[in-house]
């Protein structure tokens, strides 16, 4: 994490081996940490992000959320292609169908 975003140090606030969460003043930061997979989102990453995003939504001091990815891409086409309600399902033939 560099300090160039706001000029203050980021404080780790949780995460997994695939996604990390930081707080820097009024900024919440999400870092996708799967550079070898071009940071493609997985169901586990989405499930890890959900409670943190909800916590930031309730926190009046968090004014924005920045999403970044390690490596050369923010995110490849998602490893999770469709969500229906709360049930995520994997891609079919690597394409998002929305069905």
PDB file of N, CA and C in Angstrom:
ATOM      1  N   UNK A   1       0.828  -1.172   0.000  1.00  0.00           N
ATOM      2  CA  UNK A   1       0.000   0.000   0.000  1.00  0.00           C
ATOM      3  C   UNK A   1       0.879   1.244   0.000  1.00  0.00           C
ATOM      4  N   UNK A   2       0.710   2.095  -0.922  1.00  0.00           N
ATOM      5  CA  UNK A   2       1.436   3.362  -0.916  1.00  0.00           C
ATOM      6  C   UNK A   2       0.603   4.399  -0.174  1.00  0.00           C
ATOM      7  N   UNK A   3       1.237   5.493   0.196  1.00  0.00           N
ATOM      8  CA  UNK A   3       0.523   6.548   0.902  1.00  0.00           C
ATOM      9  C   UNK A   3       0.060   7.646  -0.033  1.00  0.00           C
ATOM     10  N   UNK A   4       0.207   7.470  -1.354  1.00  0.00           N
ATOM     11  CA  UNK A   4      -0.109   8.557  -2.266  1.00  0.00           C
ATOM     12  C   UNK A   4      -1.603   8.811  -2.426  1.00  0.00           C
ATOM     13  N   UNK A   5      -2.481   7.881  -2.038  1.00  0.00           N
ATOM     14  CA  UNK A   5      -3.917   8.075  -2.216  1.00  0.00           C
ATOM     15  C   UNK A   5      -4.415   9.311  -1.480  1.00  0.00           C
ATOM     16  N   UNK A   6      -4.109   9.422  -0.187  1.00  0.00           N
ATOM     17  CA  UNK A   6      -4.563  10.584   0.575  1.00  0.00           C
ATOM     18  C   UNK A   6      -3.458  11.212   1.400  1.00  0.00           C
ATOM     19  N   UNK A   7      -2.274  10.657   1.372  1.00  0.00           N
ATOM     20  CA  UNK A   7      -1.176  11.192   2.161  1.00  0.00           C
ATOM     21  C   UNK A   7      -1.121  10.648   3.575  1.00  0.00           C
ATOM     22  N   UNK A   8      -2.001   9.735   3.946  1.00  0.00           N
ATOM     23  CA  UNK A   8      -1.973   9.128   5.268  1.00  0.00           C
ATOM     24  C   UNK A   8      -1.773   7.632   5.124  1.00  0.00           C
ATOM     25  N   UNK A   9      -1.263   7.017   6.177  1.00  0.00           N
ATOM     26  CA  UNK A   9      -1.000   5.581   6.146  1.00  0.00           C
ATOM     27  C   UNK A   9      -2.306   4.796   6.196  1.00  0.00           C
ATOM     28  N   UNK A  10      -2.347   3.701   5.468  1.00  0.00           N
ATOM     29  CA  UNK A  10      -3.518   2.824   5.472  1.00  0.00           C
ATOM     30  C   UNK A  10      -3.421   1.868   6.655  1.00  0.00           C
ATOM     31  N   UNK A  11      -4.550   1.637   7.287  1.00  0.00           N
ATOM     32  CA  UNK A  11      -4.637   0.702   8.405  1.00  0.00           C
ATOM     33  C   UNK A  11      -5.352  -0.553   7.938  1.00  0.00           C
ATOM     34  N   UNK A  12      -4.712  -1.742   8.040  1.00  0.00           N
ATOM     35  CA  UNK A  12      -5.411  -2.974   7.661  1.00  0.00           C
ATOM     36  C   UNK A  12      -6.619  -3.198   8.562  1.00  0.00           C
ATOM     37  N   UNK A  13      -7.749  -3.580   7.952  1.00  0.00           N
ATOM     38  CA  UNK A  13      -8.960  -3.832   8.732  1.00  0.00           C
ATOM     39  C   UNK A  13      -9.554  -5.207   8.441  1.00  0.00           C
ATOM     40  N   UNK A  14      -8.783  -6.094   7.812  1.00  0.00           N
ATOM     41  CA  UNK A  14      -9.270  -7.444   7.585  1.00  0.00           C
ATOM     42  C   UNK A  14      -8.974  -7.935   6.189  1.00  0.00           C
ATOM     43  N   UNK A  15      -9.500  -9.122   5.897  1.00  0.00           N
ATOM     44  CA  UNK A  15      -9.336  -9.693   4.576  1.00  0.00           C
ATOM     45  C   UNK A  15      -8.998 -11.169   4.626  1.00  0.00           C
ATOM     46  N   UNK A  16      -8.642 -11.672   3.461  1.00  0.00           N
ATOM     47  CA  UNK A  16      -8.255 -13.075   3.296  1.00  0.00           C
ATOM     48  C   UNK A  16      -6.973 -13.104   2.473  1.00  0.00           C
ATOM     49  N   UNK A  17      -6.574 -14.282   2.004  1.00  0.00           N
ATOM     50  CA  UNK A  17      -5.389 -14.339   1.148  1.00  0.00           C
ATOM     51  C   UNK A  17      -5.691 -13.864  -0.275  1.00  0.00           C
ATOM     52  N   UNK A  18      -6.960 -13.621  -0.612  1.00  0.00           N
ATOM     53  CA  UNK A  18      -7.334 -13.168  -1.958  1.00  0.00           C
ATOM     54  C   UNK A  18      -7.806 -11.716  -2.017  1.00  0.00           C
ATOM     55  N   UNK A  19      -8.147 -11.136  -0.879  1.00  0.00           N
ATOM     56  CA  UNK A  19      -8.698  -9.785  -0.845  1.00  0.00           C
ATOM     57  C   UNK A  19      -8.327  -9.148   0.498  1.00  0.00           C
ATOM     58  N   UNK A  20      -7.922  -7.882   0.452  1.00  0.00           N
ATOM     59  CA  UNK A  20      -7.516  -7.186   1.673  1.00  0.00           C
ATOM     60  C   UNK A  20      -8.311  -5.888   1.803  1.00  0.00           C
ATOM     61  N   UNK A  21      -8.553  -5.493   3.036  1.00  0.00           N
ATOM     62  CA  UNK A  21      -9.312  -4.280   3.320  1.00  0.00           C
ATOM     63  C   UNK A  21      -8.470  -3.347   4.176  1.00  0.00           C
ATOM     64  N   UNK A  22      -8.500  -2.059   3.820  1.00  0.00           N
ATOM     65  CA  UNK A  22      -7.745  -1.042   4.536  1.00  0.00           C
ATOM     66  C   UNK A  22      -8.638   0.156   4.798  1.00  0.00           C
ATOM     67  N   UNK A  23      -8.258   0.932   5.791  1.00  0.00           N
ATOM     68  CA  UNK A  23      -8.946   2.185   6.085  1.00  0.00           C
ATOM     69  C   UNK A  23      -7.890   3.276   6.102  1.00  0.00           C
ATOM     70  N   UNK A  24      -8.148   4.352   5.398  1.00  0.00           N
ATOM     71  CA  UNK A  24      -7.237   5.494   5.331  1.00  0.00           C
ATOM     72  C   UNK A  24      -8.086   6.743   5.503  1.00  0.00           C
ATOM     73  N   UNK A  25      -8.217   7.202   6.741  1.00  0.00           N
ATOM     74  CA  UNK A  25      -9.090   8.345   7.013  1.00  0.00           C
ATOM     75  C   UNK A  25     -10.521   8.015   6.617  1.00  0.00           C
ATOM     76  N   UNK A  26     -11.120   8.837   5.760  1.00  0.00           N
ATOM     77  CA  UNK A  26     -12.481   8.619   5.292  1.00  0.00           C
ATOM     78  C   UNK A  26     -12.588   7.739   4.070  1.00  0.00           C
ATOM     79  N   UNK A  27     -11.508   7.032   3.752  1.00  0.00           N
ATOM     80  CA  UNK A  27     -11.472   6.184   2.561  1.00  0.00           C
ATOM     81  C   UNK A  27     -11.349   4.720   2.955  1.00  0.00           C
ATOM     82  N   UNK A  28     -12.265   3.882   2.476  1.00  0.00           N
ATOM     83  CA  UNK A  28     -12.133   2.444   2.593  1.00  0.00           C
ATOM     84  C   UNK A  28     -11.433   1.945   1.335  1.00  0.00           C
ATOM     85  N   UNK A  29     -10.511   1.007   1.488  1.00  0.00           N
ATOM     86  CA  UNK A  29      -9.782   0.480   0.337  1.00  0.00           C
ATOM     87  C   UNK A  29      -9.903  -1.033   0.285  1.00  0.00           C
ATOM     88  N   UNK A  30     -10.180  -1.517  -0.918  1.00  0.00           N
ATOM     89  CA  UNK A  30     -10.232  -2.956  -1.178  1.00  0.00           C
ATOM     90  C   UNK A  30      -9.110  -3.260  -2.160  1.00  0.00           C
ATOM     91  N   UNK A  31      -8.269  -4.241  -1.820  1.00  0.00           N
ATOM     92  CA  UNK A  31      -7.198  -4.647  -2.722  1.00  0.00           C
ATOM     93  C   UNK A  31      -7.381  -6.114  -3.089  1.00  0.00           C
ATOM     94  N   UNK A  32      -7.555  -6.363  -4.377  1.00  0.00           N
ATOM     95  CA  UNK A  32      -7.655  -7.737  -4.879  1.00  0.00           C
ATOM     96  C   UNK A  32      -6.223  -8.266  -4.973  1.00  0.00           C
ATOM     97  N   UNK A  33      -5.961  -9.423  -4.371  1.00  0.00           N
ATOM     98  CA  UNK A  33      -4.590  -9.912  -4.248  1.00  0.00           C
ATOM     99  C   UNK A  33      -4.365 -11.238  -4.976  1.00  0.00           C
ATOM    100  N   UNK A  34      -4.882 -11.324  -6.191  1.00  0.00           N
ATOM    101  CA  UNK A  34      -4.708 -12.518  -7.024  1.00  0.00           C
ATOM    102  C   UNK A  34      -4.097 -12.123  -8.369  1.00  0.00           C
ATOM    103  N   UNK A  35      -2.895 -11.541  -8.384  1.00  0.00           N
ATOM    104  CA  UNK A  35      -2.331 -11.054  -9.646  1.00  0.00           C
ATOM    105  C   UNK A  35      -2.105 -12.154 -10.684  1.00  0.00           C
ATOM    106  N   UNK A  36      -1.790 -13.365 -10.253  1.00  0.00           N
ATOM    107  CA  UNK A  36      -1.570 -14.454 -11.226  1.00  0.00           C
ATOM    108  C   UNK A  36      -2.861 -14.836 -11.942  1.00  0.00           C
ATOM    109  N   UNK A  37      -4.006 -14.585 -11.292  1.00  0.00           N
ATOM    110  CA  UNK A  37      -5.315 -14.857 -11.899  1.00  0.00           C
ATOM    111  C   UNK A  37      -5.938 -13.564 -12.425  1.00  0.00           C
ATOM    112  N   UNK A  38      -5.103 -12.529 -12.599  1.00  0.00           N
ATOM    113  CA  UNK A  38      -5.559 -11.209 -13.060  1.00  0.00           C
ATOM    114  C   UNK A  38      -6.668 -10.659 -12.170  1.00  0.00           C
ATOM    115  N   UNK A  39      -6.616 -11.030 -10.880  1.00  0.00           N
ATOM    116  CA  UNK A  39      -7.562 -10.548  -9.873  1.00  0.00           C
ATOM    117  C   UNK A  39      -9.019 -10.881 -10.183  1.00  0.00           C
ATOM    118  N   UNK A  40      -9.249 -11.960 -10.912  1.00  0.00           N
ATOM    119  CA  UNK A  40     -10.624 -12.389 -11.185  1.00  0.00           C
ATOM    120  C   UNK A  40     -11.338 -12.648  -9.858  1.00  0.00           C
ATOM    121  N   UNK A  41     -12.538 -12.108  -9.735  1.00  0.00           N
ATOM    122  CA  UNK A  41     -13.313 -12.280  -8.514  1.00  0.00           C
ATOM    123  C   UNK A  41     -13.788 -13.717  -8.356  1.00  0.00           C
ATOM    124  N   UNK A  42     -13.768 -14.189  -7.123  1.00  0.00           N
ATOM    125  CA  UNK A  42     -14.319 -15.499  -6.793  1.00  0.00           C
ATOM    126  C   UNK A  42     -15.501 -15.295  -5.859  1.00  0.00           C
ATOM    127  N   UNK A  43     -16.284 -16.315  -5.688  1.00  0.00           N
ATOM    128  CA  UNK A  43     -17.407 -16.246  -4.755  1.00  0.00           C
ATOM    129  C   UNK A  43     -16.887 -15.943  -3.355  1.00  0.00           C
ATOM    130  N   UNK A  44     -15.777 -16.559  -2.961  1.00  0.00           N
ATOM    131  CA  UNK A  44     -15.214 -16.317  -1.633  1.00  0.00           C
ATOM    132  C   UNK A  44     -14.815 -14.853  -1.450  1.00  0.00           C
ATOM    133  N   UNK A  45     -14.295 -14.226  -2.484  1.00  0.00           N
ATOM    134  CA  UNK A  45     -13.919 -12.810  -2.396  1.00  0.00           C
ATOM    135  C   UNK A  45     -15.153 -11.932  -2.219  1.00  0.00           C
ATOM    136  N   UNK A  46     -16.194 -12.228  -2.962  1.00  0.00           N
ATOM    137  CA  UNK A  46     -17.442 -11.466  -2.849  1.00  0.00           C
ATOM    138  C   UNK A  46     -18.034 -11.641  -1.449  1.00  0.00           C
ATOM    139  N   UNK A  47     -18.017 -12.873  -0.952  1.00  0.00           N
ATOM    140  CA  UNK A  47     -18.547 -13.131   0.386  1.00  0.00           C
ATOM    141  C   UNK A  47     -17.721 -12.443   1.462  1.00  0.00           C
ATOM    142  N   UNK A  48     -16.406 -12.320   1.258  1.00  0.00           N
ATOM    143  CA  UNK A  48     -15.550 -11.617   2.221  1.00  0.00           C
ATOM    144  C   UNK A  48     -15.780 -10.107   2.161  1.00  0.00           C
ATOM    145  N   UNK A  49     -16.018  -9.580   0.967  1.00  0.00           N
ATOM    146  CA  UNK A  49     -16.202  -8.137   0.800  1.00  0.00           C
ATOM    147  C   UNK A  49     -17.547  -7.659   1.337  1.00  0.00           C
ATOM    148  N   UNK A  50     -18.567  -8.476   1.260  1.00  0.00           N
ATOM    149  CA  UNK A  50     -19.913  -8.051   1.633  1.00  0.00           C
ATOM    150  C   UNK A  50     -20.002  -7.465   3.042  1.00  0.00           C
ATOM    151  N   UNK A  51     -19.546  -8.158   4.093  1.00  0.00           N
ATOM    152  CA  UNK A  51     -19.684  -7.566   5.432  1.00  0.00           C
ATOM    153  C   UNK A  51     -18.833  -6.306   5.616  1.00  0.00           C
ATOM    154  N   UNK A  52     -17.675  -6.249   4.961  1.00  0.00           N
ATOM    155  CA  UNK A  52     -16.852  -5.051   5.086  1.00  0.00           C
ATOM    156  C   UNK A  52     -17.504  -3.856   4.400  1.00  0.00           C
ATOM    157  N   UNK A  53     -18.061  -4.074   3.220  1.00  0.00           N
ATOM    158  CA  UNK A  53     -18.764  -2.997   2.526  1.00  0.00           C
ATOM    159  C   UNK A  53     -19.973  -2.519   3.326  1.00  0.00           C
ATOM    160  N   UNK A  54     -20.686  -3.453   3.936  1.00  0.00           N
ATOM    161  CA  UNK A  54     -21.840  -3.079   4.768  1.00  0.00           C
ATOM    162  C   UNK A  54     -21.397  -2.265   5.989  1.00  0.00           C
ATOM    163  N   UNK A  55     -20.261  -2.659   6.593  1.00  0.00           N
ATOM    164  CA  UNK A  55     -19.740  -1.909   7.744  1.00  0.00           C
ATOM    165  C   UNK A  55     -19.361  -0.494   7.329  1.00  0.00           C
ATOM    166  N   UNK A  56     -18.700  -0.348   6.188  1.00  0.00           N
ATOM    167  CA  UNK A  56     -18.336   0.984   5.701  1.00  0.00           C
ATOM    168  C   UNK A  56     -19.580   1.801   5.359  1.00  0.00           C
ATOM    169  N   UNK A  57     -20.619   1.143   4.853  1.00  0.00           N
ATOM    170  CA  UNK A  57     -21.857   1.852   4.527  1.00  0.00           C
ATOM    171  C   UNK A  57     -22.488   2.453   5.790  1.00  0.00           C
ATOM    172  N   UNK A  58     -22.387   1.731   6.907  1.00  0.00           N
ATOM    173  CA  UNK A  58     -22.944   2.223   8.172  1.00  0.00           C
ATOM    174  C   UNK A  58     -22.061   3.279   8.838  1.00  0.00           C
ATOM    175  N   UNK A  59     -20.795   3.338   8.463  1.00  0.00           N
ATOM    176  CA  UNK A  59     -19.828   4.249   9.079  1.00  0.00           C
ATOM    177  C   UNK A  59     -19.890   5.614   8.395  1.00  0.00           C
ATOM    178  N   UNK A  60     -20.402   6.606   9.077  1.00  0.00           N
ATOM    179  CA  UNK A  60     -20.560   7.937   8.480  1.00  0.00           C
ATOM    180  C   UNK A  60     -19.229   8.596   8.126  1.00  0.00           C
ATOM    181  N   UNK A  61     -18.132   8.125   8.716  1.00  0.00           N
ATOM    182  CA  UNK A  61     -16.818   8.707   8.419  1.00  0.00           C
ATOM    183  C   UNK A  61     -16.233   8.206   7.104  1.00  0.00           C
ATOM    184  N   UNK A  62     -16.722   7.069   6.600  1.00  0.00           N
ATOM    185  CA  UNK A  62     -16.221   6.556   5.320  1.00  0.00           C
ATOM    186  C   UNK A  62     -16.983   7.267   4.210  1.00  0.00           C
ATOM    187  N   UNK A  63     -16.252   8.028   3.404  1.00  0.00           N
ATOM    188  CA  UNK A  63     -16.858   8.842   2.351  1.00  0.00           C
ATOM    189  C   UNK A  63     -16.782   8.194   0.978  1.00  0.00           C
ATOM    190  N   UNK A  64     -15.825   7.262   0.785  1.00  0.00           N
ATOM    191  CA  UNK A  64     -15.651   6.613  -0.523  1.00  0.00           C
ATOM    192  C   UNK A  64     -14.928   5.293  -0.320  1.00  0.00           C
ATOM    193  N   UNK A  65     -15.047   4.410  -1.310  1.00  0.00           N
ATOM    194  CA  UNK A  65     -14.336   3.136  -1.302  1.00  0.00           C
ATOM    195  C   UNK A  65     -13.563   3.030  -2.613  1.00  0.00           C
ATOM    196  N   UNK A  66     -12.282   2.735  -2.499  1.00  0.00           N
ATOM    197  CA  UNK A  66     -11.394   2.564  -3.647  1.00  0.00           C
ATOM    198  C   UNK A  66     -11.124   1.081  -3.823  1.00  0.00           C
ATOM    199  N   UNK A  67     -11.253   0.601  -5.044  1.00  0.00           N
ATOM    200  CA  UNK A  67     -10.949  -0.802  -5.345  1.00  0.00           C
ATOM    201  C   UNK A  67      -9.740  -0.821  -6.254  1.00  0.00           C
ATOM    202  N   UNK A  68      -8.733  -1.615  -5.859  1.00  0.00           N
ATOM    203  CA  UNK A  68      -7.528  -1.750  -6.676  1.00  0.00           C
ATOM    204  C   UNK A  68      -7.130  -3.226  -6.735  1.00  0.00           C
ATOM    205  N   UNK A  69      -6.297  -3.546  -7.715  1.00  0.00           N
ATOM    206  CA  UNK A  69      -5.804  -4.905  -7.846  1.00  0.00           C
ATOM    207  C   UNK A  69      -4.300  -4.929  -7.912  1.00  0.00           C
ATOM    208  N   UNK A  70      -3.688  -5.958  -7.346  1.00  0.00           N
ATOM    209  CA  UNK A  70      -2.247  -6.128  -7.461  1.00  0.00           C
ATOM    210  C   UNK A  70      -1.909  -6.568  -8.878  1.00  0.00           C
ATOM    211  N   UNK A  71      -0.740  -6.206  -9.337  1.00  0.00           N
ATOM    212  CA  UNK A  71      -0.300  -6.661 -10.651  1.00  0.00           C
ATOM    213  C   UNK A  71      -0.785  -5.756 -11.769  1.00  0.00           C
ATOM    214  N   UNK A  72      -0.916  -6.351 -12.962  1.00  0.00           N
ATOM    215  CA  UNK A  72      -1.175  -5.553 -14.162  1.00  0.00           C
ATOM    216  C   UNK A  72      -2.643  -5.335 -14.498  1.00  0.00           C
ATOM    217  N   UNK A  73      -3.557  -5.936 -13.789  1.00  0.00           N
ATOM    218  CA  UNK A  73      -4.988  -5.777 -14.064  1.00  0.00           C
ATOM    219  C   UNK A  73      -5.755  -5.548 -12.769  1.00  0.00           C
ATOM    220  N   UNK A  74      -6.789  -4.704 -12.859  1.00  0.00           N
ATOM    221  CA  UNK A  74      -7.689  -4.568 -11.716  1.00  0.00           C
ATOM    222  C   UNK A  74      -8.453  -5.870 -11.546  1.00  0.00           C
ATOM    223  N   UNK A  75      -9.035  -6.369 -12.644  1.00  0.00           N
ATOM    224  CA  UNK A  75      -9.776  -7.619 -12.565  1.00  0.00           C
ATOM    225  C   UNK A  75      -9.999  -8.173 -13.954  1.00  0.00           C
ATOM    226  N   UNK A  76      -9.807  -9.464 -14.083  1.00  0.00           N
ATOM    227  CA  UNK A  76     -10.132 -10.170 -15.319  1.00  0.00           C
ATOM    228  C   UNK A  76     -11.645 -10.381 -15.337  1.00  0.00           C
ATOM    229  N   UNK A  77     -12.194 -10.862 -16.453  1.00  0.00           N
ATOM    230  CA  UNK A  77     -13.618 -11.217 -16.422  1.00  0.00           C
ATOM    231  C   UNK A  77     -13.876 -12.103 -15.213  1.00  0.00           C
ATOM    232  N   UNK A  78     -14.933 -11.844 -14.522  1.00  0.00           N
ATOM    233  CA  UNK A  78     -15.199 -12.475 -13.229  1.00  0.00           C
ATOM    234  C   UNK A  78     -15.197 -13.986 -13.291  1.00  0.00           C
ATOM    235  N   UNK A  79     -14.666 -14.570 -12.235  1.00  0.00           N
ATOM    236  CA  UNK A  79     -14.745 -16.009 -12.057  1.00  0.00           C
ATOM    237  C   UNK A  79     -16.149 -16.388 -11.616  1.00  0.00           C
ATOM    238  N   UNK A  80     -16.923 -15.401 -11.219  1.00  0.00           N
ATOM    239  CA  UNK A  80     -18.330 -15.562 -10.882  1.00  0.00           C
ATOM    240  C   UNK A  80     -19.109 -14.720 -11.874  1.00  0.00           C
ATOM    241  N   UNK A  81     -19.939 -15.342 -12.673  1.00  0.00           N
ATOM    242  CA  UNK A  81     -20.568 -14.620 -13.774  1.00  0.00           C
ATOM    243  C   UNK A  81     -21.978 -14.140 -13.484  1.00  0.00           C
ATOM    244  N   UNK A  82     -22.675 -14.788 -12.637  1.00  0.00           N
ATOM    245  CA  UNK A  82     -24.066 -14.384 -12.436  1.00  0.00           C
ATOM    246  C   UNK A  82     -24.421 -14.510 -10.974  1.00  0.00           C
ATOM    247  N   UNK A  83     -25.232 -13.587 -10.511  1.00  0.00           N
ATOM    248  CA  UNK A  83     -25.771 -13.642  -9.155  1.00  0.00           C
ATOM    249  C   UNK A  83     -27.284 -13.523  -9.272  1.00  0.00           C
ATOM    250  N   UNK A  84     -27.956 -14.421  -8.649  1.00  0.00           N
ATOM    251  CA  UNK A  84     -29.409 -14.378  -8.632  1.00  0.00           C
ATOM    252  C   UNK A  84     -29.828 -14.309  -7.175  1.00  0.00           C
ATOM    253  N   UNK A  85     -30.291 -13.157  -6.742  1.00  0.00           N
ATOM    254  CA  UNK A  85     -30.596 -12.980  -5.325  1.00  0.00           C
ATOM    255  C   UNK A  85     -29.303 -13.054  -4.540  1.00  0.00           C
ATOM    256  N   UNK A  86     -29.204 -14.008  -3.628  1.00  0.00           N
ATOM    257  CA  UNK A  86     -27.978 -14.172  -2.847  1.00  0.00           C
ATOM    258  C   UNK A  86     -27.194 -15.387  -3.296  1.00  0.00           C
ATOM    259  N   UNK A  87     -27.635 -16.058  -4.342  1.00  0.00           N
ATOM    260  CA  UNK A  87     -26.960 -17.268  -4.795  1.00  0.00           C
ATOM    261  C   UNK A  87     -26.084 -16.950  -5.995  1.00  0.00           C
ATOM    262  N   UNK A  88     -24.773 -17.086  -5.819  1.00  0.00           N
ATOM    263  CA  UNK A  88     -23.842 -16.880  -6.933  1.00  0.00           C
ATOM    264  C   UNK A  88     -23.617 -18.223  -7.600  1.00  0.00           C
ATOM    265  N   UNK A  89     -23.438 -18.183  -8.902  1.00  0.00           N
ATOM    266  CA  UNK A  89     -23.136 -19.442  -9.591  1.00  0.00           C
ATOM    267  C   UNK A  89     -21.952 -19.221 -10.510  1.00  0.00           C
ATOM    268  N   UNK A  90     -21.173 -20.279 -10.755  1.00  0.00           N
ATOM    269  CA  UNK A  90     -19.963 -20.133 -11.569  1.00  0.00           C
ATOM    270  C   UNK A  90     -20.283 -19.900 -13.038  1.00  0.00           C
ATOM    271  N   UNK A  91     -19.252 -19.443 -13.760  1.00  0.00           N
ATOM    272  CA  UNK A  91     -19.390 -19.178 -15.192  1.00  0.00           C
ATOM    273  C   UNK A  91     -19.653 -20.465 -15.966  1.00  0.00           C
ATOM    274  N   UNK A  92     -20.309 -20.308 -17.072  1.00  0.00           N
ATOM    275  CA  UNK A  92     -20.508 -21.401 -18.008  1.00  0.00           C
ATOM    276  C   UNK A  92     -19.669 -21.070 -19.237  1.00  0.00           C
ATOM    277  N   UNK A  93     -18.697 -21.882 -19.539  1.00  0.00           N
ATOM    278  CA  UNK A  93     -17.814 -21.689 -20.701  1.00  0.00           C
ATOM    279  C   UNK A  93     -17.117 -20.330 -20.642  1.00  0.00           C
ATOM    280  N   UNK A  94     -16.862 -19.829 -19.405  1.00  0.00           N
ATOM    281  CA  UNK A  94     -16.116 -18.595 -19.251  1.00  0.00           C
ATOM    282  C   UNK A  94     -16.846 -17.343 -19.683  1.00  0.00           C
ATOM    283  N   UNK A  95     -18.156 -17.363 -19.829  1.00  0.00           N
ATOM    284  CA  UNK A  95     -18.909 -16.209 -20.294  1.00  0.00           C
ATOM    285  C   UNK A  95     -19.977 -15.828 -19.285  1.00  0.00           C
ATOM    286  N   UNK A  96     -20.225 -14.557 -19.193  1.00  0.00           N
ATOM    287  CA  UNK A  96     -21.312 -14.072 -18.347  1.00  0.00           C
ATOM    288  C   UNK A  96     -22.598 -14.168 -19.167  1.00  0.00           C
ATOM    289  N   UNK A  97     -23.540 -14.922 -18.662  1.00  0.00           N
ATOM    290  CA  UNK A  97     -24.788 -15.109 -19.396  1.00  0.00           C
ATOM    291  C   UNK A  97     -25.946 -14.356 -18.763  1.00  0.00           C
ATOM    292  N   UNK A  98     -25.833 -14.141 -17.441  1.00  0.00           N
ATOM    293  CA  UNK A  98     -26.928 -13.463 -16.753  1.00  0.00           C
ATOM    294  C   UNK A  98     -28.173 -14.298 -16.636  1.00  0.00           C
ATOM    295  N   UNK A  99     -28.091 -15.576 -16.992  1.00  0.00           N
ATOM    296  CA  UNK A  99     -29.263 -16.459 -16.915  1.00  0.00           C
ATOM    297  C   UNK A  99     -29.176 -17.362 -15.727  1.00  0.00           C
TER     298      UNK A  99
END
